Amino acid sequence: MTKIYFTIAATKYHYGQDIFEKGMTVRLVKEPENDHDREAIKVEAEGLGQVGYVANSPWTVEGESYSAGRLYDKIGDTAEGTVMYVLEKGILCQLNETE
């Protein structure tokens, strides 16, 4: 499987970036009823709940990341990812392979 990367954005509206560490697992959950973005994918962390969203703007997507729009049809209703880098402008993650 080709490696797929995504960026977590909007962390400042939840718990901030300080909660993220390299190797941490996050859960992606599609939000088709989101009033602002029909391809919204929220990001959750165990024990905390929502911690951000998958970036869906050219100004918030880091490096070779997929935007939420590009990622949306590649995952089921939920998926998991692993934090690779905590950057100033976002959290770079890799999508975990599904069986």
PDB file of N, CA and C in Angstrom:
ATOM      1  N   MET A   1       0.841  -1.189   0.000  1.00  0.00           N
ATOM      2  CA  MET A   1       0.000   0.000   0.000  1.00  0.00           C
ATOM      3  C   MET A   1       0.880   1.244   0.000  1.00  0.00           C
ATOM      4  N   THR A   2       0.508   2.231  -0.773  1.00  0.00           N
ATOM      5  CA  THR A   2       1.204   3.508  -0.810  1.00  0.00           C
ATOM      6  C   THR A   2       0.981   4.245   0.500  1.00  0.00           C
ATOM      7  N   LYS A   3       2.020   4.863   1.015  1.00  0.00           N
ATOM      8  CA  LYS A   3       1.872   5.633   2.244  1.00  0.00           C
ATOM      9  C   LYS A   3       1.037   6.872   1.974  1.00  0.00           C
ATOM     10  N   ILE A   4       0.097   7.113   2.857  1.00  0.00           N
ATOM     11  CA  ILE A   4      -0.764   8.289   2.757  1.00  0.00           C
ATOM     12  C   ILE A   4      -0.570   9.119   4.012  1.00  0.00           C
ATOM     13  N   TYR A   5      -0.308  10.413   3.803  1.00  0.00           N
ATOM     14  CA  TYR A   5      -0.096  11.328   4.910  1.00  0.00           C
ATOM     15  C   TYR A   5      -1.243  12.316   4.996  1.00  0.00           C
ATOM     16  N   PHE A   6      -1.510  12.810   6.199  1.00  0.00           N
ATOM     17  CA  PHE A   6      -2.510  13.854   6.395  1.00  0.00           C
ATOM     18  C   PHE A   6      -2.044  14.768   7.521  1.00  0.00           C
ATOM     19  N   THR A   7      -2.594  15.976   7.524  1.00  0.00           N
ATOM     20  CA  THR A   7      -2.248  16.963   8.538  1.00  0.00           C
ATOM     21  C   THR A   7      -3.443  17.203   9.441  1.00  0.00           C
ATOM     22  N   ILE A   8      -3.198  17.235  10.744  1.00  0.00           N
ATOM     23  CA  ILE A   8      -4.250  17.616  11.687  1.00  0.00           C
ATOM     24  C   ILE A   8      -4.161  19.132  11.869  1.00  0.00           C
ATOM     25  N   ALA A   9      -5.292  19.794  11.664  1.00  0.00           N
ATOM     26  CA  ALA A   9      -5.391  21.242  11.830  1.00  0.00           C
ATOM     27  C   ALA A   9      -6.468  21.552  12.873  1.00  0.00           C
ATOM     28  N   ALA A  10      -6.626  22.817  13.182  1.00  0.00           N
ATOM     29  CA  ALA A  10      -7.667  23.316  14.097  1.00  0.00           C
ATOM     30  C   ALA A  10      -7.510  22.778  15.518  1.00  0.00           C
ATOM     31  N   THR A  11      -6.293  22.428  15.891  1.00  0.00           N
ATOM     32  CA  THR A  11      -6.065  21.916  17.251  1.00  0.00           C
ATOM     33  C   THR A  11      -6.275  22.989  18.309  1.00  0.00           C
ATOM     34  N   LYS A  12      -6.078  24.253  17.948  1.00  0.00           N
ATOM     35  CA  LYS A  12      -6.217  25.343  18.925  1.00  0.00           C
ATOM     36  C   LYS A  12      -7.650  25.481  19.435  1.00  0.00           C
ATOM     37  N   TYR A  13      -8.606  24.932  18.727  1.00  0.00           N
ATOM     38  CA  TYR A  13      -9.998  24.994  19.155  1.00  0.00           C
ATOM     39  C   TYR A  13     -10.356  23.856  20.114  1.00  0.00           C
ATOM     40  N   HIS A  14      -9.405  23.002  20.388  1.00  0.00           N
ATOM     41  CA  HIS A  14      -9.649  21.848  21.249  1.00  0.00           C
ATOM     42  C   HIS A  14      -8.630  21.828  22.391  1.00  0.00           C
ATOM     43  N   TYR A  15      -7.580  21.046  22.307  1.00  0.00           N
ATOM     44  CA  TYR A  15      -6.598  20.924  23.385  1.00  0.00           C
ATOM     45  C   TYR A  15      -5.225  21.495  23.032  1.00  0.00           C
ATOM     46  N   GLY A  16      -5.082  22.021  21.836  1.00  0.00           N
ATOM     47  CA  GLY A  16      -3.789  22.543  21.408  1.00  0.00           C
ATOM     48  C   GLY A  16      -2.883  21.438  20.892  1.00  0.00           C
ATOM     49  N   GLN A  17      -1.669  21.801  20.536  1.00  0.00           N
ATOM     50  CA  GLN A  17      -0.712  20.850  19.952  1.00  0.00           C
ATOM     51  C   GLN A  17       0.128  20.115  20.985  1.00  0.00           C
ATOM     52  N   ASP A  18       0.165  20.615  22.210  1.00  0.00           N
ATOM     53  CA  ASP A  18       1.042  20.025  23.232  1.00  0.00           C
ATOM     54  C   ASP A  18       0.669  18.594  23.597  1.00  0.00           C
ATOM     55  N   ILE A  19      -0.543  18.172  23.275  1.00  0.00           N
ATOM     56  CA  ILE A  19      -0.958  16.803  23.622  1.00  0.00           C
ATOM     57  C   ILE A  19      -0.411  15.755  22.658  1.00  0.00           C
ATOM     58  N   PHE A  20       0.093  16.196  21.491  1.00  0.00           N
ATOM     59  CA  PHE A  20       0.538  15.265  20.460  1.00  0.00           C
ATOM     60  C   PHE A  20       1.995  14.870  20.648  1.00  0.00           C
ATOM     61  N   GLU A  21       2.272  13.576  20.428  1.00  0.00           N
ATOM     62  CA  GLU A  21       3.626  13.040  20.479  1.00  0.00           C
ATOM     63  C   GLU A  21       3.832  12.099  19.304  1.00  0.00           C
ATOM     64  N   LYS A  22       5.060  12.048  18.827  1.00  0.00           N
ATOM     65  CA  LYS A  22       5.402  11.118  17.747  1.00  0.00           C
ATOM     66  C   LYS A  22       5.024   9.701  18.165  1.00  0.00           C
ATOM     67  N   GLY A  23       4.379   8.964  17.249  1.00  0.00           N
ATOM     68  CA  GLY A  23       3.971   7.586  17.506  1.00  0.00           C
ATOM     69  C   GLY A  23       2.567   7.450  18.079  1.00  0.00           C
ATOM     70  N   MET A  24       1.965   8.546  18.461  1.00  0.00           N
ATOM     71  CA  MET A  24       0.613   8.542  19.024  1.00  0.00           C
ATOM     72  C   MET A  24      -0.401   8.130  17.951  1.00  0.00           C
ATOM     73  N   THR A  25      -1.389   7.336  18.335  1.00  0.00           N
ATOM     74  CA  THR A  25      -2.449   6.925  17.425  1.00  0.00           C
ATOM     75  C   THR A  25      -3.628   7.880  17.553  1.00  0.00           C
ATOM     76  N   VAL A  26      -4.169   8.276  16.401  1.00  0.00           N
ATOM     77  CA  VAL A  26      -5.368   9.115  16.369  1.00  0.00           C
ATOM     78  C   VAL A  26      -6.427   8.416  15.540  1.00  0.00           C
ATOM     79  N   ARG A  27      -7.672   8.745  15.799  1.00  0.00           N
ATOM     80  CA  ARG A  27      -8.809   8.146  15.090  1.00  0.00           C
ATOM     81  C   ARG A  27      -9.452   9.199  14.198  1.00  0.00           C
ATOM     82  N   LEU A  28      -9.726   8.831  12.957  1.00  0.00           N
ATOM     83  CA  LEU A  28     -10.392   9.714  12.010  1.00  0.00           C
ATOM     84  C   LEU A  28     -11.856   9.296  11.898  1.00  0.00           C
ATOM     85  N   VAL A  29     -12.742  10.276  11.943  1.00  0.00           N
ATOM     86  CA  VAL A  29     -14.180  10.004  11.870  1.00  0.00           C
ATOM     87  C   VAL A  29     -14.799  10.972  10.868  1.00  0.00           C
ATOM     88  N   LYS A  30     -15.408  10.428   9.819  1.00  0.00           N
ATOM     89  CA  LYS A  30     -16.079  11.281   8.835  1.00  0.00           C
ATOM     90  C   LYS A  30     -17.251  12.009   9.490  1.00  0.00           C
ATOM     91  N   GLU A  31     -17.473  13.249   9.069  1.00  0.00           N
ATOM     92  CA  GLU A  31     -18.578  14.071   9.561  1.00  0.00           C
ATOM     93  C   GLU A  31     -19.415  14.575   8.380  1.00  0.00           C
ATOM     94  N   PRO A  32     -20.168  13.692   7.719  1.00  0.00           N
ATOM     95  CA  PRO A  32     -20.916  14.109   6.528  1.00  0.00           C
ATOM     96  C   PRO A  32     -21.990  15.154   6.810  1.00  0.00           C
ATOM     97  N   GLU A  33     -22.407  15.312   8.059  1.00  0.00           N
ATOM     98  CA  GLU A  33     -23.437  16.289   8.422  1.00  0.00           C
ATOM     99  C   GLU A  33     -22.837  17.633   8.824  1.00  0.00           C
ATOM    100  N   ASN A  34     -21.527  17.805   8.692  1.00  0.00           N
ATOM    101  CA  ASN A  34     -20.860  19.057   9.052  1.00  0.00           C
ATOM    102  C   ASN A  34     -21.392  20.182   8.154  1.00  0.00           C
ATOM    103  N   ASP A  35     -21.870  21.257   8.771  1.00  0.00           N
ATOM    104  CA  ASP A  35     -22.472  22.369   8.029  1.00  0.00           C
ATOM    105  C   ASP A  35     -21.471  23.158   7.199  1.00  0.00           C
ATOM    106  N   HIS A  36     -20.192  23.120   7.556  1.00  0.00           N
ATOM    107  CA  HIS A  36     -19.177  23.930   6.885  1.00  0.00           C
ATOM    108  C   HIS A  36     -18.413  23.172   5.806  1.00  0.00           C
ATOM    109  N   ASP A  37     -18.368  21.840   5.906  1.00  0.00           N
ATOM    110  CA  ASP A  37     -17.556  21.052   4.980  1.00  0.00           C
ATOM    111  C   ASP A  37     -18.119  19.641   4.899  1.00  0.00           C
ATOM    112  N   ARG A  38     -18.689  19.276   3.772  1.00  0.00           N
ATOM    113  CA  ARG A  38     -19.296  17.945   3.590  1.00  0.00           C
ATOM    114  C   ARG A  38     -18.263  16.830   3.572  1.00  0.00           C
ATOM    115  N   GLU A  39     -16.981  17.178   3.415  1.00  0.00           N
ATOM    116  CA  GLU A  39     -15.911  16.185   3.447  1.00  0.00           C
ATOM    117  C   GLU A  39     -15.083  16.304   4.725  1.00  0.00           C
ATOM    118  N   ALA A  40     -15.681  16.858   5.764  1.00  0.00           N
ATOM    119  CA  ALA A  40     -14.963  17.038   7.029  1.00  0.00           C
ATOM    120  C   ALA A  40     -14.643  15.687   7.662  1.00  0.00           C
ATOM    121  N   ILE A  41     -13.439  15.596   8.202  1.00  0.00           N
ATOM    122  CA  ILE A  41     -13.003  14.407   8.937  1.00  0.00           C
ATOM    123  C   ILE A  41     -12.452  14.896  10.267  1.00  0.00           C
ATOM    124  N   LYS A  42     -13.163  14.590  11.359  1.00  0.00           N
ATOM    125  CA  LYS A  42     -12.665  15.012  12.659  1.00  0.00           C
ATOM    126  C   LYS A  42     -11.620  14.018  13.152  1.00  0.00           C
ATOM    127  N   VAL A  43     -10.758  14.500  14.021  1.00  0.00           N
ATOM    128  CA  VAL A  43      -9.689  13.684  14.575  1.00  0.00           C
ATOM    129  C   VAL A  43      -9.913  13.568  16.083  1.00  0.00           C
ATOM    130  N   GLU A  44      -9.849  12.337  16.582  1.00  0.00           N
ATOM    131  CA  GLU A  44     -10.047  12.081  18.009  1.00  0.00           C
ATOM    132  C   GLU A  44      -8.820  11.407  18.599  1.00  0.00           C
ATOM    133  N   ALA A  45      -8.620  11.636  19.891  1.00  0.00           N
ATOM    134  CA  ALA A  45      -7.554  10.965  20.646  1.00  0.00           C
ATOM    135  C   ALA A  45      -8.206  10.238  21.817  1.00  0.00           C
ATOM    136  N   GLU A  46      -7.688   9.065  22.105  1.00  0.00           N
ATOM    137  CA  GLU A  46      -8.232   8.255  23.188  1.00  0.00           C
ATOM    138  C   GLU A  46      -8.217   9.041  24.493  1.00  0.00           C
ATOM    139  N   GLY A  47      -9.355   9.027  25.178  1.00  0.00           N
ATOM    140  CA  GLY A  47      -9.475   9.693  26.466  1.00  0.00           C
ATOM    141  C   GLY A  47      -9.790  11.179  26.387  1.00  0.00           C
ATOM    142  N   LEU A  48      -9.678  11.773  25.198  1.00  0.00           N
ATOM    143  CA  LEU A  48      -9.929  13.202  25.046  1.00  0.00           C
ATOM    144  C   LEU A  48     -11.113  13.512  24.141  1.00  0.00           C
ATOM    145  N   GLY A  49     -11.360  12.662  23.175  1.00  0.00           N
ATOM    146  CA  GLY A  49     -12.373  12.961  22.175  1.00  0.00           C
ATOM    147  C   GLY A  49     -11.768  13.778  21.050  1.00  0.00           C
ATOM    148  N   GLN A  50     -12.528  14.734  20.529  1.00  0.00           N
ATOM    149  CA  GLN A  50     -12.070  15.485  19.365  1.00  0.00           C
ATOM    150  C   GLN A  50     -10.889  16.394  19.714  1.00  0.00           C
ATOM    151  N   VAL A  51      -9.850  16.315  18.849  1.00  0.00           N
ATOM    152  CA  VAL A  51      -8.637  17.122  19.049  1.00  0.00           C
ATOM    153  C   VAL A  51      -8.324  17.997  17.840  1.00  0.00           C
ATOM    154  N   GLY A  52      -9.116  17.894  16.773  1.00  0.00           N
ATOM    155  CA  GLY A  52      -8.885  18.691  15.574  1.00  0.00           C
ATOM    156  C   GLY A  52      -9.621  18.115  14.389  1.00  0.00           C
ATOM    157  N   TYR A  53      -9.194  18.569  13.193  1.00  0.00           N
ATOM    158  CA  TYR A  53      -9.754  18.087  11.924  1.00  0.00           C
ATOM    159  C   TYR A  53      -8.622  17.776  10.958  1.00  0.00           C
ATOM    160  N   VAL A  54      -8.877  16.892  10.018  1.00  0.00           N
ATOM    161  CA  VAL A  54      -7.930  16.704   8.919  1.00  0.00           C
ATOM    162  C   VAL A  54      -7.981  17.982   8.085  1.00  0.00           C
ATOM    163  N   ALA A  55      -6.821  18.562   7.828  1.00  0.00           N
ATOM    164  CA  ALA A  55      -6.737  19.815   7.074  1.00  0.00           C
ATOM    165  C   ALA A  55      -7.384  19.646   5.701  1.00  0.00           C
ATOM    166  N   ASN A  56      -8.092  20.688   5.261  1.00  0.00           N
ATOM    167  CA  ASN A  56      -8.764  20.611   3.958  1.00  0.00           C
ATOM    168  C   ASN A  56      -8.591  21.908   3.175  1.00  0.00           C
ATOM    169  N   SER A  57      -7.461  22.553   3.372  1.00  0.00           N
ATOM    170  CA  SER A  57      -7.184  23.817   2.704  1.00  0.00           C
ATOM    171  C   SER A  57      -5.717  23.839   2.286  1.00  0.00           C
ATOM    172  N   PRO A  58      -5.394  24.436   1.150  1.00  0.00           N
ATOM    173  CA  PRO A  58      -3.988  24.505   0.738  1.00  0.00           C
ATOM    174  C   PRO A  58      -3.121  25.272   1.740  1.00  0.00           C
ATOM    175  N   TRP A  59      -3.734  26.086   2.598  1.00  0.00           N
ATOM    176  CA  TRP A  59      -2.977  26.845   3.590  1.00  0.00           C
ATOM    177  C   TRP A  59      -2.714  26.044   4.860  1.00  0.00           C
ATOM    178  N   THR A  60      -3.413  24.920   5.053  1.00  0.00           N
ATOM    179  CA  THR A  60      -3.226  24.138   6.279  1.00  0.00           C
ATOM    180  C   THR A  60      -2.655  22.745   6.032  1.00  0.00           C
ATOM    181  N   VAL A  61      -2.616  22.294   4.787  1.00  0.00           N
ATOM    182  CA  VAL A  61      -2.059  20.975   4.465  1.00  0.00           C
ATOM    183  C   VAL A  61      -0.535  21.095   4.413  1.00  0.00           C
ATOM    184  N   GLU A  62       0.152  20.255   5.169  1.00  0.00           N
ATOM    185  CA  GLU A  62       1.617  20.287   5.239  1.00  0.00           C
ATOM    186  C   GLU A  62       2.243  19.234   4.316  1.00  0.00           C
ATOM    187  N   GLY A  63       3.379  19.575   3.725  1.00  0.00           N
ATOM    188  CA  GLY A  63       4.169  18.627   2.935  1.00  0.00           C
ATOM    189  C   GLY A  63       3.375  17.879   1.887  1.00  0.00           C
ATOM    190  N   GLU A  64       3.527  16.558   1.873  1.00  0.00           N
ATOM    191  CA  GLU A  64       2.870  15.688   0.889  1.00  0.00           C
ATOM    192  C   GLU A  64       1.541  15.136   1.392  1.00  0.00           C
ATOM    193  N   SER A  65       0.936  15.832   2.345  1.00  0.00           N
ATOM    194  CA  SER A  65      -0.321  15.380   2.944  1.00  0.00           C
ATOM    195  C   SER A  65      -1.480  15.411   1.968  1.00  0.00           C
ATOM    196  N   TYR A  66      -2.407  14.502   2.187  1.00  0.00           N
ATOM    197  CA  TYR A  66      -3.692  14.538   1.495  1.00  0.00           C
ATOM    198  C   TYR A  66      -4.587  15.512   2.255  1.00  0.00           C
ATOM    199  N   SER A  67      -5.391  16.266   1.542  1.00  0.00           N
ATOM    200  CA  SER A  67      -6.423  17.071   2.180  1.00  0.00           C
ATOM    201  C   SER A  67      -7.560  16.130   2.579  1.00  0.00           C
ATOM    202  N   ALA A  68      -8.461  16.625   3.413  1.00  0.00           N
ATOM    203  CA  ALA A  68      -9.613  15.800   3.798  1.00  0.00           C
ATOM    204  C   ALA A  68     -10.412  15.391   2.562  1.00  0.00           C
ATOM    205  N   GLY A  69     -10.530  16.288   1.588  1.00  0.00           N
ATOM    206  CA  GLY A  69     -11.262  15.973   0.360  1.00  0.00           C
ATOM    207  C   GLY A  69     -10.650  14.830  -0.418  1.00  0.00           C
ATOM    208  N   ARG A  70      -9.317  14.788  -0.484  1.00  0.00           N
ATOM    209  CA  ARG A  70      -8.631  13.697  -1.199  1.00  0.00           C
ATOM    210  C   ARG A  70      -8.677  12.401  -0.399  1.00  0.00           C
ATOM    211  N   LEU A  71      -8.693  12.511   0.917  1.00  0.00           N
ATOM    212  CA  LEU A  71      -8.659  11.341   1.795  1.00  0.00           C
ATOM    213  C   LEU A  71     -10.042  10.724   1.989  1.00  0.00           C
ATOM    214  N   TYR A  72     -11.074  11.529   1.875  1.00  0.00           N
ATOM    215  CA  TYR A  72     -12.436  11.138   2.244  1.00  0.00           C
ATOM    216  C   TYR A  72     -12.886   9.813   1.620  1.00  0.00           C
ATOM    217  N   ASP A  73     -12.674   9.626   0.340  1.00  0.00           N
ATOM    218  CA  ASP A  73     -13.137   8.411  -0.338  1.00  0.00           C
ATOM    219  C   ASP A  73     -12.160   7.241  -0.217  1.00  0.00           C
ATOM    220  N   LYS A  74     -11.037   7.457   0.442  1.00  0.00           N
ATOM    221  CA  LYS A  74     -10.039   6.394   0.606  1.00  0.00           C
ATOM    222  C   LYS A  74     -10.173   5.665   1.943  1.00  0.00           C
ATOM    223  N   ILE A  75     -11.054   6.179   2.823  1.00  0.00           N
ATOM    224  CA  ILE A  75     -11.258   5.543   4.123  1.00  0.00           C
ATOM    225  C   ILE A  75     -12.731   5.187   4.289  1.00  0.00           C
ATOM    226  N   GLY A  76     -13.000   4.322   5.243  1.00  0.00           N
ATOM    227  CA  GLY A  76     -14.386   4.026   5.597  1.00  0.00           C
ATOM    228  C   GLY A  76     -14.920   5.148   6.477  1.00  0.00           C
ATOM    229  N   ASP A  77     -15.937   4.857   7.274  1.00  0.00           N
ATOM    230  CA  ASP A  77     -16.490   5.878   8.170  1.00  0.00           C
ATOM    231  C   ASP A  77     -15.477   6.302   9.226  1.00  0.00           C
ATOM    232  N   THR A  78     -14.578   5.377   9.579  1.00  0.00           N
ATOM    233  CA  THR A  78     -13.509   5.686  10.530  1.00  0.00           C
ATOM    234  C   THR A  78     -12.202   5.082  10.029  1.00  0.00           C
ATOM    235  N   ALA A  79     -11.105   5.593  10.546  1.00  0.00           N
ATOM    236  CA  ALA A  79      -9.774   5.074  10.214  1.00  0.00           C
ATOM    237  C   ALA A  79      -8.832   5.505  11.336  1.00  0.00           C
ATOM    238  N   GLU A  80      -7.607   5.014  11.286  1.00  0.00           N
ATOM    239  CA  GLU A  80      -6.609   5.403  12.279  1.00  0.00           C
ATOM    240  C   GLU A  80      -5.359   5.919  11.590  1.00  0.00           C
ATOM    241  N   GLY A  81      -4.653   6.767  12.299  1.00  0.00           N
ATOM    242  CA  GLY A  81      -3.390   7.293  11.818  1.00  0.00           C
ATOM    243  C   GLY A  81      -2.391   7.375  12.949  1.00  0.00           C
ATOM    244  N   THR A  82      -1.137   7.580  12.595  1.00  0.00           N
ATOM    245  CA  THR A  82      -0.053   7.692  13.565  1.00  0.00           C
ATOM    246  C   THR A  82       0.653   9.025  13.385  1.00  0.00           C
ATOM    247  N   VAL A  83       0.862   9.737  14.477  1.00  0.00           N
ATOM    248  CA  VAL A  83       1.561  11.019  14.445  1.00  0.00           C
ATOM    249  C   VAL A  83       3.022  10.780  14.075  1.00  0.00           C
ATOM    250  N   MET A  84       3.487  11.524  13.084  1.00  0.00           N
ATOM    251  CA  MET A  84       4.890  11.438  12.661  1.00  0.00           C
ATOM    252  C   MET A  84       5.687  12.644  13.138  1.00  0.00           C
ATOM    253  N   TYR A  85       5.129  13.842  12.960  1.00  0.00           N
ATOM    254  CA  TYR A  85       5.826  15.080  13.321  1.00  0.00           C
ATOM    255  C   TYR A  85       4.843  16.077  13.912  1.00  0.00           C
ATOM    256  N   VAL A  86       5.274  16.767  14.953  1.00  0.00           N
ATOM    257  CA  VAL A  86       4.512  17.877  15.501  1.00  0.00           C
ATOM    258  C   VAL A  86       5.188  19.141  14.975  1.00  0.00           C
ATOM    259  N   LEU A  87       4.512  19.820  14.040  1.00  0.00           N
ATOM    260  CA  LEU A  87       5.048  21.007  13.389  1.00  0.00           C
ATOM    261  C   LEU A  87       4.342  22.256  13.913  1.00  0.00           C
ATOM    262  N   GLU A  88       4.928  23.389  13.682  1.00  0.00           N
ATOM    263  CA  GLU A  88       4.346  24.642  14.153  1.00  0.00           C
ATOM    264  C   GLU A  88       2.938  24.873  13.602  1.00  0.00           C
ATOM    265  N   LYS A  89       2.728  24.533  12.329  1.00  0.00           N
ATOM    266  CA  LYS A  89       1.449  24.807  11.679  1.00  0.00           C
ATOM    267  C   LYS A  89       0.498  23.616  11.631  1.00  0.00           C
ATOM    268  N   GLY A  90       0.887  22.467  12.132  1.00  0.00           N
ATOM    269  CA  GLY A  90      -0.007  21.312  12.103  1.00  0.00           C
ATOM    270  C   GLY A  90       0.705  20.044  12.527  1.00  0.00           C
ATOM    271  N   ILE A  91      -0.045  18.991  12.638  1.00  0.00           N
ATOM    272  CA  ILE A  91       0.480  17.688  13.054  1.00  0.00           C
ATOM    273  C   ILE A  91       0.471  16.786  11.834  1.00  0.00           C
ATOM    274  N   LEU A  92       1.659  16.335  11.394  1.00  0.00           N
ATOM    275  CA  LEU A  92       1.767  15.468  10.221  1.00  0.00           C
ATOM    276  C   LEU A  92       1.631  14.021  10.667  1.00  0.00           C
ATOM    277  N   CYS A  93       0.724  13.294  10.028  1.00  0.00           N
ATOM    278  CA  CYS A  93       0.429  11.900  10.385  1.00  0.00           C
ATOM    279  C   CYS A  93       0.456  11.007   9.152  1.00  0.00           C
ATOM    280  N   GLN A  94       0.580   9.716   9.412  1.00  0.00           N
ATOM    281  CA  GLN A  94       0.478   8.719   8.356  1.00  0.00           C
ATOM    282  C   GLN A  94      -0.754   7.887   8.605  1.00  0.00           C
ATOM    283  N   LEU A  95      -1.537   7.643   7.554  1.00  0.00           N
ATOM    284  CA  LEU A  95      -2.709   6.804   7.647  1.00  0.00           C
ATOM    285  C   LEU A  95      -2.268   5.361   7.898  1.00  0.00           C
ATOM    286  N   ASN A  96      -2.864   4.713   8.876  1.00  0.00           N
ATOM    287  CA  ASN A  96      -2.534   3.312   9.154  1.00  0.00           C
ATOM    288  C   ASN A  96      -3.239   2.411   8.147  1.00  0.00           C
ATOM    289  N   GLU A  97      -2.580   1.338   7.773  1.00  0.00           N
ATOM    290  CA  GLU A  97      -3.178   0.381   6.841  1.00  0.00           C
ATOM    291  C   GLU A  97      -4.340  -0.324   7.511  1.00  0.00           C
ATOM    292  N   THR A  98      -5.368  -0.618   6.714  1.00  0.00           N
ATOM    293  CA  THR A  98      -6.522  -1.360   7.218  1.00  0.00           C
ATOM    294  C   THR A  98      -6.487  -2.751   6.632  1.00  0.00           C
ATOM    295  N   GLU A  99      -7.085  -3.666   7.335  1.00  0.00           N
ATOM    296  CA  GLU A  99      -7.085  -5.058   6.860  1.00  0.00           C
ATOM    297  C   GLU A  99      -8.262  -5.326   5.992  1.00  0.00           C
TER     298      GLU A  99
END
